Amino acid sequence: MINKQEIIDRFISYVTVDTEADPNSETTPSSAKQWDLARALTKELIAIGMKDVTIDNNAYIMATLPSNVDHKVPAIGFISHFDTTPDFTGANVKPQIIEDYDGKDIVLNAEEDIILSPDYFEDLLLYKGQTIITTDGTTLLGADDKAGIAEIITAMKYLIDHPEIKHGDIKVGFTPDEEIGRGAHKFDVEKFGADWAYTMDGSQIGELEYENFNAAGAVVTIKGKIVHPGYAKGKMVNSMYIATEFINSLPRLETPEHTEGYEGFFHLCAINGEVDKTTLEYIIRDHDKEHFEARKEVMQKLAFELNSQYEREVITIDIKDQYFNMKEKVEPVIHIVDIAEEAMKQLDIKPLIKAIRGGTDGSQLSYMGLPCPNIFAGGHNFHGRYEYVPVESMIKATEVICKIAELTAEKYKK
């Protein structure tokens, strides 16, 4: 049995360390404060008895739990990221532990009247009677993906303490900067040494994912002309008005708040505008590769049309691909998904096999030669003040890790 208090204490020790990533930084990790948790995790891996524990100059952490069987078993890996999103502050996280959740509203912050309610977040009712860890309403929690790290380390300690559970080599990897799309950029797949891996970076209990968005980022720059407003007739060109034209010309219902499942979108993330210059930052997402390419083309054509209308280049677009759908790389080795699915079934967890409306380190790693499906870590409402994680889901995720290791060893037994 996984010790409940142990995983709670481990998780809280991680989320109270601020590891917010910085998309405007060119370093790896993007924020110096990520080193604080990275170094602590390295020490912890050594302390529990992991072997070949390393941390490189970019804060990528790797470790091995050696095989305890005498037959050849593929090396498998488990990966999570220790940074948190810049979408919402991760400084001074004050977790709240709700024992035996009664299915009613949870007051996160009475002073600011911040309520986590099942009337709005219906998934809360799935966890009635369980222990839930929430924020105090002023920060995110960081279960994305410190829950995954807590589960991996707890699982490794459990396997070390229970050698009767047979397994092959298990590789562990923790990465920086996943939340800004760079988590796998400097990951040394050859050094890691796994035949395949799993990211513990999903949400609801049971999630098992091997499809994700194709993703790109777009920066749209609109140039205007600033002159004194009292003498502006026929001379001023207000870049913010042109930006509004651009925004309104994209399909209004193809945005995150109007899409689900396999539906892609354009997402306007940020605007920085003055008369002389306005910058729009978008992300482009679609599971279908052809639709993904078409979305990029839509934005390019729109810029061309507006430039033609204004008879000069008022708009430029810089589009950069970020990651691609891992399905192409995982389907040829679908047995790695089958093993995870069987592990869940043996633990009485209903597998929820679906496409990720996002991406993980695993999507990039799959294209780097390390097929890497994604497994639930248990958290909900990531990237904001309403984030929470049921402790029982974290325990189940830990058990899944152990069971996958056991089933893999059994599968390859002569």
Protein backbone atom coordinates (compact mmCIF):
# COMPACT_ATOMS: atom_id res chain seq x y z
CA MET A 1 0.00 0.00 0.00
CA ILE A 2 1.24 3.48 -0.89
CA ASN A 3 1.59 5.63 2.22
CA LYS A 4 -0.94 8.46 1.92
CA GLN A 5 0.79 10.92 4.23
CA GLU A 6 4.11 10.30 2.53
CA ILE A 7 2.83 11.34 -0.88
CA ILE A 8 1.00 14.36 0.59
CA ASP A 9 4.14 15.57 2.35
CA ARG A 10 6.27 15.00 -0.73
CA PHE A 11 3.84 16.84 -3.00
CA ILE A 12 3.49 19.83 -0.67
CA SER A 13 7.25 20.12 -0.34
CA TYR A 14 7.42 20.53 -4.13
CA VAL A 15 4.54 22.94 -4.74
CA THR A 16 5.76 25.38 -2.10
CA VAL A 17 8.89 25.95 -4.20
CA ASP A 18 8.29 28.59 -6.88
CA THR A 19 9.36 27.23 -10.29
CA GLU A 20 7.47 29.49 -12.69
CA ALA A 21 8.96 29.39 -16.19
CA ASP A 22 9.84 32.59 -18.05
CA PRO A 23 8.96 32.62 -21.78
CA ASN A 24 11.00 35.80 -22.32
CA SER A 25 14.24 34.20 -21.15
CA GLU A 26 16.69 32.48 -23.50
CA THR A 27 18.38 30.41 -20.77
CA THR A 28 17.69 26.81 -19.75
CA PRO A 29 16.09 26.63 -17.32
CA SER A 30 14.32 29.85 -18.22
CA SER A 31 14.13 30.98 -14.57
CA ALA A 32 16.93 30.58 -12.03
CA LYS A 33 14.44 29.58 -9.33
CA GLN A 34 13.78 26.28 -11.09
CA TRP A 35 17.22 25.22 -9.90
CA ASP A 36 16.00 25.27 -6.29
CA LEU A 37 13.62 22.36 -6.80
CA ALA A 38 15.87 20.63 -9.35
CA ARG A 39 18.73 20.39 -6.86
CA ALA A 40 16.39 19.22 -4.10
CA LEU A 41 14.97 16.49 -6.35
CA THR A 42 18.45 15.30 -7.24
CA LYS A 43 19.32 14.93 -3.56
CA GLU A 44 16.06 13.12 -2.89
CA LEU A 45 16.64 10.61 -5.68
CA ILE A 46 20.04 9.81 -4.20
CA ALA A 47 18.58 9.56 -0.70
CA ILE A 48 15.92 6.98 -1.65
CA GLY A 49 18.53 4.78 -3.33
CA MET A 50 18.29 5.54 -7.04
CA LYS A 51 21.44 4.92 -9.10
CA ASP A 52 23.28 7.00 -11.72
CA VAL A 53 21.59 10.17 -10.53
CA THR A 54 22.67 13.16 -12.65
CA ILE A 55 21.72 16.77 -13.18
CA ASP A 56 23.20 18.53 -16.20
CA ASN A 57 24.01 22.18 -16.89
CA ASN A 58 20.43 22.81 -18.04
CA ALA A 59 18.82 21.21 -14.94
CA TYR A 60 17.69 18.01 -16.67
CA ILE A 61 17.59 15.27 -14.03
CA MET A 62 18.01 11.56 -14.79
CA ALA A 63 18.26 8.48 -12.59
CA THR A 64 17.99 4.70 -12.81
CA LEU A 65 16.36 2.01 -10.75
CA PRO A 66 18.31 -1.10 -11.83
CA SER A 67 16.57 -4.28 -12.90
CA ASN A 68 15.97 -6.95 -10.26
CA VAL A 69 15.33 -9.79 -12.74
CA ASP A 70 17.82 -12.00 -14.57
CA HIS A 71 16.08 -11.95 -17.95
CA LYS A 72 16.30 -9.19 -20.55
CA VAL A 73 13.58 -6.57 -20.20
CA PRO A 74 13.30 -3.32 -22.19
CA ALA A 75 14.23 -0.25 -20.14
CA ILE A 76 11.18 1.94 -19.53
CA GLY A 77 11.06 5.54 -18.39
CA PHE A 78 8.81 7.87 -16.43
CA ILE A 79 9.07 11.62 -17.01
CA SER A 80 7.59 14.77 -15.44
CA HIS A 81 8.41 18.48 -15.47
CA PHE A 82 9.12 20.65 -12.45
CA ASP A 83 8.38 24.10 -13.90
CA THR A 84 4.97 25.75 -13.59
CA THR A 85 3.13 27.87 -16.12
CA PRO A 86 3.64 31.64 -16.41
CA ASP A 87 -0.13 31.95 -17.01
CA PHE A 88 -0.71 32.44 -13.27
CA THR A 89 1.58 33.05 -10.33
CA GLY A 90 3.22 30.10 -8.59
CA ALA A 91 4.88 32.19 -5.86
CA ASN A 92 4.00 31.62 -2.20
CA VAL A 93 1.71 28.66 -2.83
CA LYS A 94 -0.30 27.85 0.30
CA PRO A 95 -1.92 24.43 -0.17
CA GLN A 96 -5.12 23.56 1.67
CA ILE A 97 -5.97 19.95 2.52
CA ILE A 98 -9.67 19.10 2.48
CA GLU A 99 -10.30 15.79 4.23
CA ASP A 100 -13.36 13.69 3.39
CA TYR A 101 -14.70 16.17 0.81
CA ASP A 102 -18.46 16.54 1.30
CA GLY A 103 -19.43 17.52 -2.25
CA LYS A 104 -20.18 21.14 -1.36
CA ASP A 105 -18.50 24.45 -2.16
CA ILE A 106 -14.91 24.79 -1.00
CA VAL A 107 -13.99 28.26 0.24
CA LEU A 108 -10.50 28.87 -1.09
CA ASN A 109 -10.26 32.42 0.15
CA ALA A 110 -12.98 33.95 2.31
CA GLU A 111 -11.45 37.43 2.26
CA GLU A 112 -11.54 37.60 -1.53
CA ASP A 113 -14.69 35.45 -1.87
CA ILE A 114 -12.97 32.84 -4.05
CA ILE A 115 -15.01 29.63 -4.15
CA LEU A 116 -14.23 26.26 -5.76
CA SER A 117 -17.74 25.05 -6.50
CA PRO A 118 -19.03 21.76 -7.99
CA ASP A 119 -21.82 23.84 -9.55
CA TYR A 120 -19.17 25.20 -11.94
CA PHE A 121 -16.47 22.50 -11.73
CA GLU A 122 -18.61 19.37 -11.88
CA ASP A 123 -15.64 16.99 -11.77
CA LEU A 124 -15.30 17.77 -8.06
CA LEU A 125 -18.23 15.45 -7.39
CA LEU A 126 -16.15 12.50 -8.67
CA TYR A 127 -14.06 12.85 -5.52
CA LYS A 128 -16.69 13.07 -2.80
CA GLY A 129 -15.36 11.42 0.34
CA GLN A 130 -11.74 11.78 -0.76
CA THR A 131 -8.88 14.04 0.35
CA ILE A 132 -8.44 17.04 -1.95
CA ILE A 133 -5.53 19.48 -2.04
CA THR A 134 -6.42 22.97 -3.27
CA THR A 135 -4.86 26.42 -3.45
CA ASP A 136 -5.75 29.36 -1.20
CA GLY A 137 -7.20 31.08 -4.26
CA THR A 138 -4.31 33.48 -4.85
CA THR A 139 -1.95 31.19 -6.79
CA LEU A 140 -1.99 28.07 -8.90
CA LEU A 141 -1.23 24.81 -7.11
CA GLY A 142 1.44 23.27 -9.33
CA ALA A 143 -0.01 19.78 -9.59
CA ASP A 144 0.92 20.29 -13.23
CA ASP A 145 3.33 18.61 -12.98
CA LYS A 146 4.62 18.30 -9.44
CA ALA A 147 1.96 15.67 -8.82
CA GLY A 148 3.69 13.61 -11.50
CA ILE A 149 7.07 14.04 -9.82
CA ALA A 150 5.66 13.06 -6.43
CA GLU A 151 4.10 9.95 -7.97
CA ILE A 152 7.28 8.89 -9.77
CA ILE A 153 9.54 9.32 -6.75
CA THR A 154 7.03 7.64 -4.44
CA ALA A 155 6.76 4.73 -6.88
CA MET A 156 10.54 4.36 -7.10
CA LYS A 157 10.86 4.33 -3.31
CA TYR A 158 8.07 1.76 -3.07
CA LEU A 159 9.78 -0.52 -5.60
CA ILE A 160 13.10 -0.14 -3.76
CA ASP A 161 11.39 -1.01 -0.47
CA HIS A 162 9.54 -3.97 -2.05
CA PRO A 163 12.05 -5.99 -4.08
CA GLU A 164 9.50 -8.79 -4.38
CA ILE A 165 7.96 -6.70 -7.19
CA LYS A 166 9.99 -7.68 -10.23
CA HIS A 167 10.94 -5.13 -12.87
CA GLY A 168 13.55 -4.29 -15.50
CA ASP A 169 15.61 -1.10 -15.61
CA ILE A 170 13.48 1.93 -14.86
CA LYS A 171 14.65 5.37 -15.97
CA VAL A 172 13.41 8.57 -14.36
CA GLY A 173 13.60 12.02 -15.95
CA PHE A 174 12.57 15.45 -14.68
CA THR A 175 12.66 18.45 -17.01
CA PRO A 176 12.48 22.26 -16.88
CA ASP A 177 10.43 24.60 -19.07
CA GLU A 178 7.76 22.22 -20.36
CA GLU A 179 5.13 24.89 -19.82
CA ILE A 180 6.78 27.20 -22.35
CA GLY A 181 7.24 24.45 -24.93
CA ARG A 182 10.93 23.75 -24.32
CA GLY A 183 10.80 20.82 -21.94
CA ALA A 184 12.31 18.30 -24.34
CA HIS A 185 14.54 20.65 -26.33
CA LYS A 186 17.73 19.65 -24.53
CA PHE A 187 16.67 16.22 -23.29
CA ASP A 188 19.42 13.67 -24.04
CA VAL A 189 17.43 10.65 -25.25
CA GLU A 190 20.53 8.52 -25.76
CA LYS A 191 21.79 9.23 -22.24
CA PHE A 192 18.34 8.51 -20.78
CA GLY A 193 18.59 5.01 -22.20
CA ALA A 194 14.94 3.94 -22.23
CA ASP A 195 13.26 1.96 -25.00
CA TRP A 196 10.06 3.87 -24.35
CA ALA A 197 8.67 6.11 -21.62
CA TYR A 198 5.53 7.61 -20.12
CA THR A 199 4.97 11.20 -19.07
CA MET A 200 2.96 11.45 -15.84
CA ASP A 201 1.34 14.70 -16.90
CA GLY A 202 -2.34 14.03 -17.51
CA SER A 203 -5.34 15.18 -15.54
CA GLN A 204 -8.32 13.06 -14.44
CA ILE A 205 -7.78 9.60 -13.02
CA GLY A 206 -7.72 7.03 -15.82
CA GLU A 207 -6.48 9.31 -18.59
CA LEU A 208 -4.19 7.56 -21.06
CA GLU A 209 -3.22 9.60 -24.10
CA TYR A 210 -1.12 9.03 -27.17
CA GLU A 211 -2.55 11.74 -29.41
CA ASN A 212 -1.99 15.46 -28.97
CA PHE A 213 -2.26 18.73 -30.84
CA ASN A 214 0.05 19.81 -33.60
CA ALA A 215 1.18 23.17 -32.26
CA ALA A 216 2.61 26.44 -33.49
CA GLY A 217 3.12 29.93 -32.11
CA ALA A 218 2.50 33.06 -34.17
CA VAL A 219 3.61 36.63 -33.55
CA VAL A 220 1.66 39.15 -35.63
CA THR A 221 3.25 42.60 -35.88
CA ILE A 222 1.17 45.54 -37.16
CA LYS A 223 2.90 48.80 -38.08
CA GLY A 224 1.03 52.09 -37.93
CA LYS A 225 1.97 55.75 -38.30
CA ILE A 226 1.88 58.13 -35.38
CA VAL A 227 1.32 61.84 -35.92
CA HIS A 228 -0.20 64.56 -33.75
CA PRO A 229 -3.91 63.70 -33.41
CA GLY A 230 -4.88 67.29 -34.07
CA TYR A 231 -3.36 67.08 -37.55
CA ALA A 232 -3.88 63.38 -38.23
CA LYS A 233 -6.42 63.40 -41.06
CA GLY A 234 -5.12 61.38 -43.96
CA LYS A 235 -1.84 60.75 -42.22
CA MET A 236 -2.29 58.71 -39.03
CA VAL A 237 -2.53 54.93 -39.31
CA ASN A 238 -3.62 53.40 -36.01
CA SER A 239 -2.10 49.94 -35.74
CA MET A 240 -4.60 48.94 -33.05
CA TYR A 241 -7.52 49.34 -35.45
CA ILE A 242 -5.77 47.14 -38.01
CA ALA A 243 -5.08 44.62 -35.27
CA THR A 244 -8.79 44.59 -34.47
CA GLU A 245 -9.55 43.87 -38.13
CA PHE A 246 -7.13 40.97 -38.07
CA ILE A 247 -8.57 39.53 -34.86
CA ASN A 248 -12.16 39.81 -36.03
CA SER A 249 -11.39 38.24 -39.40
CA LEU A 250 -10.36 34.93 -37.87
CA PRO A 251 -13.16 32.39 -37.19
CA ARG A 252 -14.71 33.58 -33.94
CA LEU A 253 -15.98 30.16 -32.90
CA GLU A 254 -12.64 28.45 -33.51
CA THR A 255 -11.21 29.55 -30.18
CA PRO A 256 -10.49 27.51 -27.02
CA GLU A 257 -13.70 28.53 -25.27
CA HIS A 258 -15.82 27.24 -28.18
CA THR A 259 -14.04 23.97 -29.04
CA GLU A 260 -13.57 20.50 -27.59
CA GLY A 261 -12.41 16.99 -28.52
CA TYR A 262 -10.55 16.96 -31.81
CA GLU A 263 -11.56 20.52 -32.73
CA GLY A 264 -8.62 22.85 -33.31
CA PHE A 265 -8.40 26.58 -32.62
CA PHE A 266 -6.66 29.91 -32.88
CA HIS A 267 -5.91 31.37 -29.45
CA LEU A 268 -5.03 35.02 -28.94
CA CYS A 269 -2.76 34.95 -25.89
CA ALA A 270 -1.53 38.52 -25.61
CA ILE A 271 -1.87 42.01 -27.11
CA ASN A 272 0.60 44.85 -26.76
CA GLY A 273 -0.57 47.92 -28.64
CA GLU A 274 0.06 51.57 -29.36
CA VAL A 275 -0.81 53.68 -32.38
CA ASP A 276 2.56 53.13 -34.01
CA LYS A 277 2.86 49.39 -33.39
CA THR A 278 0.72 46.51 -32.11
CA THR A 279 1.83 42.96 -31.44
CA LEU A 280 -0.52 39.98 -31.24
CA GLU A 281 0.64 36.64 -29.86
CA TYR A 282 -1.30 33.55 -30.96
CA ILE A 283 -1.05 29.83 -30.52
CA ILE A 284 -2.39 27.56 -33.27
CA ARG A 285 -3.59 24.04 -32.43
CA ASP A 286 -5.08 21.12 -34.38
CA HIS A 287 -4.87 17.33 -34.10
CA ASP A 288 -5.16 16.88 -37.88
CA LYS A 289 -1.91 17.74 -39.69
CA GLU A 290 -3.66 19.03 -42.84
CA HIS A 291 -6.00 21.23 -40.81
CA PHE A 292 -3.02 22.46 -38.80
CA GLU A 293 -1.20 23.54 -41.96
CA ALA A 294 -4.41 25.14 -43.25
CA ARG A 295 -4.73 27.23 -40.08
CA LYS A 296 -1.26 28.63 -40.56
CA GLU A 297 -2.13 29.40 -44.17
CA VAL A 298 -5.33 31.20 -43.10
CA MET A 299 -3.29 33.60 -40.99
CA GLN A 300 -0.76 34.22 -43.75
CA LYS A 301 -3.52 34.90 -46.32
CA LEU A 302 -5.30 37.27 -43.96
CA ALA A 303 -2.10 39.27 -43.54
CA PHE A 304 -1.66 39.37 -47.32
CA GLU A 305 -5.22 40.64 -47.82
CA LEU A 306 -4.85 43.40 -45.24
CA ASN A 307 -1.51 44.44 -46.71
CA SER A 308 -3.19 44.64 -50.13
CA GLN A 309 -6.02 46.70 -48.68
CA TYR A 310 -3.62 49.20 -47.12
CA GLU A 311 -1.34 49.07 -50.18
CA ARG A 312 1.76 48.49 -48.09
CA GLU A 313 3.16 45.92 -45.66
CA VAL A 314 1.40 46.84 -42.44
CA ILE A 315 1.35 43.28 -41.12
CA THR A 316 4.12 40.70 -40.77
CA ILE A 317 3.70 37.24 -39.25
CA ASP A 318 6.32 34.98 -37.73
CA ILE A 319 4.97 31.43 -37.28
CA LYS A 320 7.07 28.76 -35.59
CA ASP A 321 6.12 25.12 -35.14
CA GLN A 322 6.32 23.95 -31.53
CA TYR A 323 5.48 20.24 -31.52
CA PHE A 324 3.54 17.62 -33.46
CA ASN A 325 0.99 14.88 -32.83
CA MET A 326 2.76 11.93 -31.20
CA LYS A 327 0.21 9.48 -32.63
CA GLU A 328 2.36 9.00 -35.72
CA LYS A 329 5.26 7.74 -33.60
CA VAL A 330 3.33 5.80 -30.94
CA GLU A 331 0.93 3.79 -33.11
CA PRO A 332 3.73 1.61 -34.56
CA VAL A 333 4.58 0.56 -30.97
CA ILE A 334 1.04 0.53 -29.64
CA HIS A 335 1.92 -2.27 -27.21
CA ILE A 336 3.35 0.39 -24.89
CA VAL A 337 -0.14 1.87 -24.61
CA ASP A 338 -1.62 -1.59 -24.16
CA ILE A 339 0.65 -2.25 -21.17
CA ALA A 340 -0.47 0.98 -19.48
CA GLU A 341 -4.10 0.19 -20.22
CA GLU A 342 -3.76 -3.30 -18.73
CA ALA A 343 -2.04 -1.85 -15.65
CA MET A 344 -5.00 0.43 -15.03
CA LYS A 345 -7.52 -2.38 -15.52
CA GLN A 346 -5.69 -4.60 -13.04
CA LEU A 347 -5.91 -1.75 -10.52
CA ASP A 348 -9.67 -1.30 -11.14
CA ILE A 349 -9.13 2.03 -12.89
CA LYS A 350 -11.28 2.68 -15.96
CA PRO A 351 -8.89 3.75 -18.77
CA LEU A 352 -9.94 6.98 -20.46
CA ILE A 353 -8.10 6.82 -23.78
CA LYS A 354 -8.45 10.15 -25.51
CA ALA A 355 -6.56 12.87 -27.34
CA ILE A 356 -4.73 15.54 -25.36
CA ARG A 357 -5.97 19.05 -25.99
CA GLY A 358 -2.46 20.28 -25.48
CA GLY A 359 1.00 18.75 -25.50
CA THR A 360 3.54 17.22 -23.19
CA ASP A 361 7.25 16.63 -23.24
CA GLY A 362 6.23 13.25 -24.61
CA SER A 363 5.01 14.68 -27.89
CA GLN A 364 8.45 16.10 -28.64
CA LEU A 365 10.31 13.11 -27.21
CA SER A 366 8.33 10.76 -29.45
CA TYR A 367 9.77 12.58 -32.47
CA MET A 368 13.24 12.38 -30.89
CA GLY A 369 13.14 8.58 -30.86
CA LEU A 370 11.54 7.98 -27.45
CA PRO A 371 7.88 6.95 -27.86
CA CYS A 372 6.15 8.50 -24.89
CA PRO A 373 2.39 8.27 -24.15
CA ASN A 374 0.89 10.33 -21.34
CA ILE A 375 -0.71 9.04 -18.12
CA PHE A 376 -2.90 10.84 -15.60
CA ALA A 377 -1.28 12.63 -12.68
CA GLY A 378 -4.64 13.40 -11.09
CA GLY A 379 -4.91 17.19 -11.05
CA HIS A 380 -7.74 19.37 -12.36
CA ASN A 381 -8.14 23.01 -13.46
CA PHE A 382 -4.46 23.47 -14.26
CA HIS A 383 -2.91 26.91 -14.76
CA GLY A 384 -5.10 28.85 -12.37
CA ARG A 385 -6.39 29.54 -8.88
CA TYR A 386 -8.99 26.74 -9.00
CA GLU A 387 -6.43 23.97 -9.48
CA TYR A 388 -6.81 20.94 -7.21
CA VAL A 389 -5.69 17.32 -6.94
CA PRO A 390 -7.34 14.40 -5.13
CA VAL A 391 -4.74 12.51 -3.08
CA GLU A 392 -6.37 9.19 -3.94
CA SER A 393 -5.76 9.89 -7.65
CA MET A 394 -2.08 10.50 -6.90
CA ILE A 395 -1.92 7.20 -5.04
CA LYS A 396 -3.53 5.40 -7.98
CA ALA A 397 -1.09 7.01 -10.42
CA THR A 398 1.77 5.79 -8.23
CA GLU A 399 0.32 2.29 -8.30
CA VAL A 400 0.03 2.46 -12.11
CA ILE A 401 3.74 3.23 -12.39
CA CYS A 402 4.61 0.20 -10.26
CA LYS A 403 2.19 -2.03 -12.16
CA ILE A 404 3.54 -0.98 -15.57
CA ALA A 405 7.04 -1.87 -14.41
CA GLU A 406 5.82 -5.25 -13.16
CA LEU A 407 3.79 -6.06 -16.30
CA THR A 408 6.67 -5.12 -18.59
CA ALA A 409 8.97 -7.54 -16.75
CA GLU A 410 6.31 -10.27 -16.98
CA LYS A 411 5.69 -9.64 -20.68
CA TYR A 412 9.33 -10.18 -21.57
CA LYS A 413 9.94 -13.15 -19.28
CA LYS A 414 11.35 -16.13 -21.18
